[in-house]
Amino acid sequence: MSEKRDYYEVLGVSKDASDGDLKKAFRSLARKHHPDKNPDDSESEHLFKEVQEAYAVLSNPDQRRQYDMFGHDSPGGSPFGPGGFEGVNINLDDLFSGGFDSIFSSMFGGGGGRTRTRRGNDILIRHSVTLEEIHDEGEIELDVEIPSECDSCGGSGAKDPDDSKSCSTCGGQGRVTQQARVGPFVQQVVSDCPHCGGEGRVIKNPCSNCRGEGVKPKSQTLKFTIPAGAEDGTRMRMRGMGEPIRGGMSGDLYIQLETEEHPWFERDGSELIMALPLGYPEMILGTAIELPHIDGKAIKIVIPAGSKPSETIIVSGRGMARRRGRGRGDVTVLLKLFVPSKITKNMKQTLETLRDDFGLPVDNIEKSVREEAKSRRN
């Protein structure tokens, strides 16, 4: 019995698949495993040939009928006929609506002698900001050193304008077309010109300042606006401020915001969360506390008498700006009982005298535990 995979399994379709289903599956898998897209990948090359073979058989009504009856062990010999797989005729114009070359040239940059716009690399700069800086919208100036056009040659890479000429190999197109055989097909492969590296021009006498690259690092001052309430990791794009490239267009510059850790606030979207340690007297008697806030105005936190650890207090409208919608989030204050790590002898004596008034007798512990559990359930 043949070790070949079932053709329907190869294409990922059912045995009752229509001609349209077969065509759609073949086009998708042919794109995925094409050798030009997977250079030096023997497995992809094998899968590409396997897909071609499966479609060649199943797209032919007579061969498909014979394969459905006998599988790979056809009594009449190879399902491909006398010429084997090389003898199979697939109607490429019908399959790809313009020929095999048109679909793969669109995938892999083909298109005859068309020119291609070259583009420089994008640049990413990480910039640390504080909660204070992103509380409101604000302008930021940032001194950086980034690749820029060479001042000496204006980005051409040539010492003088006459020192740059059109590439004779590609005729200034930057691309060359070659014929390549892929399985049973002959395909036009369009790639960068090996002589000029895809630039379309050749430099005879390079600029000494940039060594012919047309690019030099340059110190610049960037000015940009931080949106109010910007999230950590927010990226702002400055079009055309990225790396320039000789004979092409510059990439983009991205500034990524990284929020510094605040001394007491944690952020959750537009909400601010903080823990507030309090002594037992403050919780029993209640108090009011003022702390400096990121908006430049003190924030007042009122602790009601009889408060308990782990309770929260909400200060409305003093959080971060909401990125979607209006207004600001809230500040959530989590109350925590402050217990000193060391106590003096006088403190200990004072606590002993207060034990009867504020302490919990040992014989009432079990009763208190039950009542606490009951209150939580209710």
Protein backbone atom coordinates (compact mmCIF):
# COMPACT_ATOMS: atom_id res chain seq x y z
CA MET A 1 0.00 0.00 0.00
CA SER A 2 1.22 3.49 -0.85
CA GLU A 3 2.60 5.68 1.96
CA LYS A 4 1.23 8.85 0.37
CA ARG A 5 -1.18 10.95 2.38
CA ASP A 6 -4.79 11.06 1.31
CA TYR A 7 -5.26 13.89 -1.20
CA TYR A 8 -8.32 15.25 0.59
CA GLU A 9 -6.30 15.30 3.82
CA VAL A 10 -3.47 17.13 2.06
CA LEU A 11 -5.84 19.91 0.96
CA GLY A 12 -7.78 19.87 4.23
CA VAL A 13 -11.18 19.35 2.58
CA SER A 14 -13.92 16.75 2.82
CA LYS A 15 -14.53 14.12 0.11
CA ASP A 16 -17.67 15.91 -1.03
CA ALA A 17 -15.82 19.22 -1.48
CA SER A 18 -16.89 21.27 -4.49
CA ASP A 19 -14.54 22.46 -7.23
CA GLY A 20 -14.62 25.90 -5.60
CA ASP A 21 -13.61 24.42 -2.23
CA LEU A 22 -10.70 22.58 -3.85
CA LYS A 23 -9.54 25.69 -5.65
CA LYS A 24 -9.74 27.82 -2.50
CA ALA A 25 -7.82 25.26 -0.42
CA PHE A 26 -5.11 24.90 -3.09
CA ARG A 27 -4.59 28.65 -3.43
CA SER A 28 -4.26 29.07 0.33
CA LEU A 29 -1.81 26.20 0.81
CA ALA A 30 0.22 27.09 -2.29
CA ARG A 31 0.76 30.60 -0.93
CA LYS A 32 1.72 29.22 2.49
CA HIS A 33 4.29 26.65 1.31
CA HIS A 34 5.67 28.33 -1.82
CA PRO A 35 9.50 27.93 -1.98
CA ASP A 36 10.03 31.66 -2.53
CA LYS A 37 8.31 32.35 0.76
CA ASN A 38 10.16 29.55 2.58
CA PRO A 39 13.74 29.51 1.24
CA ASP A 40 15.95 26.56 2.25
CA ASP A 41 12.97 24.87 3.93
CA SER A 42 12.85 21.29 2.66
CA GLU A 43 9.64 20.50 4.53
CA SER A 44 7.77 23.43 2.92
CA GLU A 45 9.10 22.39 -0.48
CA HIS A 46 7.79 18.86 0.07
CA LEU A 47 4.39 20.15 1.21
CA PHE A 48 4.20 22.49 -1.79
CA LYS A 49 4.75 19.58 -4.20
CA GLU A 50 2.29 17.45 -2.24
CA VAL A 51 -0.39 20.15 -2.51
CA GLN A 52 0.24 20.54 -6.26
CA GLU A 53 -0.09 16.81 -6.80
CA ALA A 54 -3.28 16.53 -4.75
CA TYR A 55 -4.98 19.38 -6.59
CA ALA A 56 -3.83 18.13 -9.99
CA VAL A 57 -5.68 14.86 -9.40
CA LEU A 58 -8.79 16.11 -7.59
CA SER A 59 -9.39 19.02 -9.99
CA ASN A 60 -9.71 16.56 -12.90
CA PRO A 61 -13.18 14.91 -12.79
CA ASP A 62 -12.05 11.61 -14.33
CA GLN A 63 -8.94 11.31 -12.17
CA ARG A 64 -10.91 12.29 -9.07
CA ARG A 65 -13.52 9.61 -9.78
CA GLN A 66 -10.78 7.01 -10.22
CA TYR A 67 -9.01 8.18 -7.03
CA ASP A 68 -12.28 8.01 -5.04
CA MET A 69 -12.69 4.38 -6.10
CA PHE A 70 -9.15 3.06 -5.72
CA GLY A 71 -7.15 5.70 -3.85
CA HIS A 72 -3.42 5.73 -4.57
CA ASP A 73 -3.48 2.05 -5.62
CA SER A 74 -5.24 2.61 -8.92
CA PRO A 75 -5.33 -0.57 -11.06
CA GLY A 76 -4.64 1.53 -14.14
CA GLY A 77 -1.32 2.76 -12.79
CA SER A 78 -0.44 6.27 -11.68
CA PRO A 79 -3.44 8.59 -11.40
CA PHE A 80 -1.37 11.17 -13.20
CA GLY A 81 -1.37 9.32 -16.50
CA PRO A 82 1.56 8.35 -18.74
CA GLY A 83 3.55 11.50 -18.13
CA GLY A 84 3.37 11.28 -14.35
CA PHE A 85 2.91 14.51 -12.40
CA GLU A 86 4.89 16.48 -15.00
CA GLY A 87 2.22 15.57 -17.53
CA VAL A 88 -0.68 17.04 -15.58
CA ASN A 89 -2.22 20.16 -17.08
CA ILE A 90 -3.70 22.60 -14.50
CA ASN A 91 -5.65 25.51 -15.97
CA LEU A 92 -3.75 28.27 -14.18
CA ASP A 93 -5.57 31.15 -15.86
CA ASP A 94 -8.87 29.82 -14.56
CA LEU A 95 -7.41 28.99 -11.15
CA PHE A 96 -5.74 32.32 -10.41
CA SER A 97 -7.73 34.68 -12.66
CA GLY A 98 -4.66 36.07 -14.39
CA GLY A 99 -2.12 33.30 -14.25
CA PHE A 100 0.18 31.70 -11.75
CA ASP A 101 2.72 34.50 -12.02
CA SER A 102 0.23 37.24 -11.15
CA ILE A 103 -0.77 35.77 -7.80
CA PHE A 104 2.72 34.95 -6.64
CA SER A 105 4.19 38.22 -7.91
CA SER A 106 1.69 40.06 -5.71
CA MET A 107 2.76 37.88 -2.80
CA PHE A 108 6.49 38.06 -3.25
CA GLY A 109 7.00 41.54 -4.71
CA GLY A 110 6.80 40.70 -8.40
CA GLY A 111 5.34 42.74 -11.19
CA GLY A 112 7.86 42.88 -14.03
CA GLY A 113 9.77 46.12 -14.16
CA ARG A 114 7.73 48.03 -11.63
CA THR A 115 9.64 50.26 -9.26
CA ARG A 116 9.41 49.69 -5.54
CA THR A 117 9.47 52.40 -2.90
CA ARG A 118 12.15 51.67 -0.35
CA ARG A 119 11.51 52.67 3.25
CA GLY A 120 13.82 53.24 6.19
CA ASN A 121 13.51 51.45 9.50
CA ASP A 122 11.18 52.64 12.23
CA ILE A 123 12.79 53.89 15.46
CA LEU A 124 11.44 53.19 18.95
CA ILE A 125 12.39 55.43 21.88
CA ARG A 126 11.29 54.55 25.41
CA HIS A 127 10.56 57.56 27.61
CA SER A 128 9.87 57.41 31.37
CA VAL A 129 7.07 59.58 32.72
CA THR A 130 5.56 60.12 36.17
CA LEU A 131 1.89 60.01 37.12
CA GLU A 132 2.13 63.77 37.61
CA GLU A 133 3.25 64.25 33.99
CA ILE A 134 0.37 62.24 32.53
CA HIS A 135 -2.31 63.52 34.91
CA ASP A 136 -3.03 66.33 32.44
CA GLU A 137 -2.18 66.73 28.78
CA GLY A 138 1.22 68.31 28.46
CA GLU A 139 4.04 69.17 26.07
CA ILE A 140 7.32 67.29 26.43
CA GLU A 141 10.74 68.09 24.97
CA LEU A 142 13.15 65.20 24.57
CA ASP A 143 16.79 65.43 23.49
CA VAL A 144 17.79 62.38 21.42
CA GLU A 145 20.38 61.28 18.91
CA ILE A 146 18.77 59.57 15.93
CA PRO A 147 19.82 58.73 12.35
CA SER A 148 19.23 61.67 10.00
CA GLU A 149 20.10 62.71 6.48
CA CYS A 150 23.78 63.51 6.04
CA ASP A 151 24.26 67.28 5.90
CA SER A 152 27.19 66.99 3.51
CA CYS A 153 25.49 65.04 0.72
CA GLY A 154 21.82 65.70 1.49
CA GLY A 155 21.19 61.99 1.90
CA SER A 156 22.39 61.01 -1.58
CA GLY A 157 25.52 59.24 -0.30
CA ALA A 158 27.59 60.73 -3.14
CA LYS A 159 30.36 63.27 -2.72
CA ASP A 160 29.04 65.29 -5.69
CA PRO A 161 25.76 65.01 -7.65
CA ASP A 162 27.67 63.71 -10.69
CA ASP A 163 29.10 60.85 -8.62
CA SER A 164 25.76 59.00 -8.63
CA LYS A 165 24.41 57.33 -11.76
CA SER A 166 21.57 55.04 -12.74
CA CYS A 167 22.31 51.33 -12.35
CA SER A 168 22.95 49.72 -15.74
CA THR A 169 21.95 46.24 -14.55
CA CYS A 170 18.34 47.10 -13.61
CA GLY A 171 17.97 50.30 -15.63
CA GLY A 172 17.38 52.32 -12.48
CA GLN A 173 14.40 50.18 -11.41
CA GLY A 174 16.17 48.54 -8.47
CA ARG A 175 14.54 45.21 -9.40
CA VAL A 176 15.45 42.45 -11.80
CA THR A 177 13.28 39.66 -13.22
CA GLN A 178 14.47 36.08 -13.50
CA GLN A 179 12.85 32.87 -14.68
CA ALA A 180 12.59 30.12 -12.07
CA ARG A 181 11.09 26.63 -12.31
CA VAL A 182 8.79 25.69 -9.42
CA GLY A 183 7.73 22.06 -9.78
CA PRO A 184 6.03 21.75 -13.18
CA PHE A 185 5.64 25.51 -13.58
CA VAL A 186 7.89 28.27 -14.85
CA GLN A 187 7.54 31.44 -12.81
CA GLN A 188 8.93 34.93 -13.09
CA VAL A 189 10.75 35.86 -9.89
CA VAL A 190 11.34 39.56 -9.23
CA SER A 191 14.03 40.45 -6.68
CA ASP A 192 16.35 43.28 -5.63
CA CYS A 193 19.05 44.08 -8.14
CA PRO A 194 22.29 42.47 -6.90
CA HIS A 195 24.41 45.26 -8.39
CA CYS A 196 22.78 48.28 -6.69
CA GLY A 197 21.09 46.49 -3.77
CA GLY A 198 17.65 47.60 -4.90
CA GLU A 199 18.44 51.33 -4.92
CA GLY A 200 18.44 51.81 -8.67
CA ARG A 201 21.58 53.97 -8.52
CA VAL A 202 25.29 53.30 -8.16
CA ILE A 203 27.68 55.66 -6.36
CA LYS A 204 31.11 56.09 -7.92
CA ASN A 205 32.58 58.43 -5.30
CA PRO A 206 30.90 58.12 -1.87
CA CYS A 207 30.51 60.98 0.60
CA SER A 208 33.36 60.96 3.12
CA ASN A 209 31.14 62.22 5.96
CA CYS A 210 28.62 59.36 5.87
CA ARG A 211 30.73 56.86 3.89
CA GLY A 212 28.12 56.65 1.19
CA GLU A 213 25.25 55.70 3.49
CA GLY A 214 23.51 59.07 3.23
CA VAL A 215 22.72 58.83 6.96
CA LYS A 216 24.48 60.15 10.06
CA PRO A 217 23.47 60.20 13.76
CA LYS A 218 22.33 63.67 14.74
CA SER A 219 21.24 65.28 18.02
CA GLN A 220 17.69 66.60 17.89
CA THR A 221 15.09 67.99 20.27
CA LEU A 222 11.73 66.28 19.85
CA LYS A 223 8.55 68.02 20.96
CA PHE A 224 5.43 65.97 21.48
CA THR A 225 2.19 66.00 23.44
CA ILE A 226 1.39 63.43 26.11
CA PRO A 227 -2.36 62.78 26.22
CA ALA A 228 -4.04 63.12 29.62
CA GLY A 229 -4.32 59.77 31.37
CA ALA A 230 -2.01 57.98 28.92
CA GLU A 231 -1.59 54.30 29.80
CA ASP A 232 1.74 52.63 30.45
CA GLY A 233 3.12 51.39 27.11
CA THR A 234 1.30 54.03 25.03
CA ARG A 235 3.10 54.62 21.72
CA MET A 236 2.99 57.92 19.87
CA ARG A 237 4.01 57.99 16.22
CA MET A 238 5.88 60.78 14.48
CA ARG A 239 5.58 60.08 10.75
CA GLY A 240 8.71 60.39 8.65
CA MET A 241 10.94 60.99 11.68
CA GLY A 242 12.47 57.51 11.62
CA GLU A 243 15.58 56.29 9.86
CA PRO A 244 16.05 57.81 6.40
CA ILE A 245 17.18 55.61 3.54
CA ARG A 246 19.04 56.59 0.41
CA GLY A 247 16.70 56.77 -2.55
CA GLY A 248 13.60 56.04 -0.45
CA MET A 249 11.32 57.41 2.23
CA SER A 250 12.09 57.68 5.95
CA GLY A 251 10.54 55.32 8.48
CA ASP A 252 8.48 56.48 11.45
CA LEU A 253 9.56 57.37 14.98
CA TYR A 254 7.67 55.88 17.92
CA ILE A 255 7.89 57.17 21.49
CA GLN A 256 6.77 54.61 24.04
CA LEU A 257 5.74 55.87 27.49
CA GLU A 258 6.86 53.88 30.52
CA THR A 259 5.27 55.02 33.79
CA GLU A 260 7.56 55.31 36.79
CA GLU A 261 6.52 53.72 40.08
CA HIS A 262 4.75 56.14 42.44
CA PRO A 263 5.68 56.25 46.16
CA TRP A 264 2.16 55.18 47.27
CA PHE A 265 -0.25 55.05 44.35
CA GLU A 266 -0.92 52.03 42.16
CA ARG A 267 -2.86 52.53 38.96
CA ASP A 268 -5.71 50.51 37.49
CA GLY A 269 -6.81 52.30 34.34
CA SER A 270 -8.29 55.60 35.48
CA GLU A 271 -8.44 54.44 39.13
CA LEU A 272 -5.74 55.09 41.73
CA ILE A 273 -5.30 52.71 44.67
CA MET A 274 -3.33 53.27 47.86
CA ALA A 275 -2.89 51.69 51.28
CA LEU A 276 -3.20 53.97 54.33
CA PRO A 277 -1.66 52.70 57.59
CA LEU A 278 -3.48 53.96 60.69
CA GLY A 279 -3.03 53.43 64.40
CA TYR A 280 -5.80 51.86 66.48
CA PRO A 281 -6.81 55.18 68.11
CA GLU A 282 -7.31 56.81 64.65
CA MET A 283 -9.57 53.97 63.57
CA ILE A 284 -11.59 54.03 66.79
CA LEU A 285 -11.91 57.79 67.08
CA GLY A 286 -11.78 58.75 63.41
CA THR A 287 -9.57 61.40 61.84
CA ALA A 288 -8.87 63.39 58.68
CA ILE A 289 -5.58 63.19 56.79
CA GLU A 290 -4.21 65.33 53.96
CA LEU A 291 -1.60 64.04 51.52
CA PRO A 292 0.09 65.67 48.52
CA HIS A 293 -1.58 64.57 45.30
CA ILE A 294 -0.46 64.19 41.70
CA ASP A 295 -2.69 67.08 40.56
CA GLY A 296 -0.73 69.50 42.77
CA LYS A 297 -3.55 69.91 45.27
CA ALA A 298 -3.69 68.10 48.61
CA ILE A 299 -6.09 65.20 48.82
CA LYS A 300 -8.18 64.97 52.01
CA ILE A 301 -9.09 61.53 53.37
CA VAL A 302 -11.73 61.41 56.09
CA ILE A 303 -11.66 58.26 58.25
CA PRO A 304 -14.95 57.71 60.09
CA ALA A 305 -14.93 56.72 63.75
CA GLY A 306 -15.13 52.98 64.26
CA SER A 307 -13.37 52.11 61.00
CA LYS A 308 -11.83 48.66 60.61
CA PRO A 309 -8.73 47.39 58.83
CA SER A 310 -9.32 46.28 55.20
CA GLU A 311 -12.22 48.72 54.77
CA THR A 312 -11.98 51.13 51.85
CA ILE A 313 -12.70 54.81 51.46
CA ILE A 314 -13.47 56.30 48.04
CA VAL A 315 -12.36 59.80 47.10
CA SER A 316 -14.37 60.54 43.96
CA GLY A 317 -13.01 62.25 40.87
CA ARG A 318 -9.37 62.53 41.93
CA GLY A 319 -8.00 59.69 39.81
CA MET A 320 -6.61 59.71 36.26
CA ALA A 321 -8.40 61.05 33.21
CA ARG A 322 -10.58 58.46 31.53
CA ARG A 323 -9.25 57.66 28.08
CA ARG A 324 -12.73 56.82 26.88
CA GLY A 325 -15.49 59.00 28.18
CA ARG A 326 -15.43 62.07 30.35
CA GLY A 327 -14.19 62.90 33.79
CA ARG A 328 -11.70 61.17 36.03
CA GLY A 329 -11.56 57.98 37.98
CA ASP A 330 -11.59 57.68 41.78
CA VAL A 331 -8.97 57.19 44.46
CA THR A 332 -9.53 54.03 46.51
CA VAL A 333 -7.95 54.09 49.98
CA LEU A 334 -7.43 50.75 51.73
CA LEU A 335 -7.19 51.05 55.53
CA LYS A 336 -4.47 49.06 57.24
CA LEU A 337 -3.76 48.74 60.94
CA PHE A 338 -0.31 50.02 61.81
CA VAL A 339 1.44 47.82 64.37
CA PRO A 340 4.83 49.11 65.57
CA SER A 341 7.62 46.59 65.28
CA LYS A 342 8.99 47.62 68.70
CA ILE A 343 7.28 49.12 71.77
CA THR A 344 8.85 50.87 74.73
CA LYS A 345 8.35 49.86 78.34
CA ASN A 346 6.02 52.82 78.95
CA MET A 347 3.94 51.91 75.87
CA LYS A 348 3.61 48.36 77.13
CA GLN A 349 2.44 49.52 80.57
CA THR A 350 -0.12 51.81 78.98
CA LEU A 351 -1.46 49.01 76.82
CA GLU A 352 -1.75 46.74 79.84
CA THR A 353 -3.95 49.30 81.59
CA LEU A 354 -6.16 49.55 78.52
CA ARG A 355 -6.51 45.81 78.03
CA ASP A 356 -9.66 45.56 80.13
CA ASP A 357 -11.37 48.33 78.17
CA PHE A 358 -10.25 47.48 74.61
CA GLY A 359 -8.99 43.92 74.80
CA LEU A 360 -10.96 40.75 74.08
CA PRO A 361 -11.07 38.20 76.93
CA VAL A 362 -9.59 34.86 75.96
CA ASP A 363 -12.70 32.96 77.03
CA ASN A 364 -14.77 35.01 74.56
CA ILE A 365 -12.54 34.36 71.54
CA GLU A 366 -14.56 31.41 70.21
CA LYS A 367 -17.83 33.33 70.57
CA SER A 368 -16.35 36.32 68.75
CA VAL A 369 -15.08 34.13 65.89
CA ARG A 370 -18.56 32.67 65.39
CA GLU A 371 -20.21 36.09 65.41
CA GLU A 372 -17.67 37.48 62.95
CA ALA A 373 -18.24 34.56 60.58
CA LYS A 374 -22.01 34.98 60.87
CA SER A 375 -21.82 38.71 60.09
CA ARG A 376 -19.73 38.03 56.98
CA ARG A 377 -22.30 35.53 55.65
CA ASN A 378 -25.09 38.03 56.15
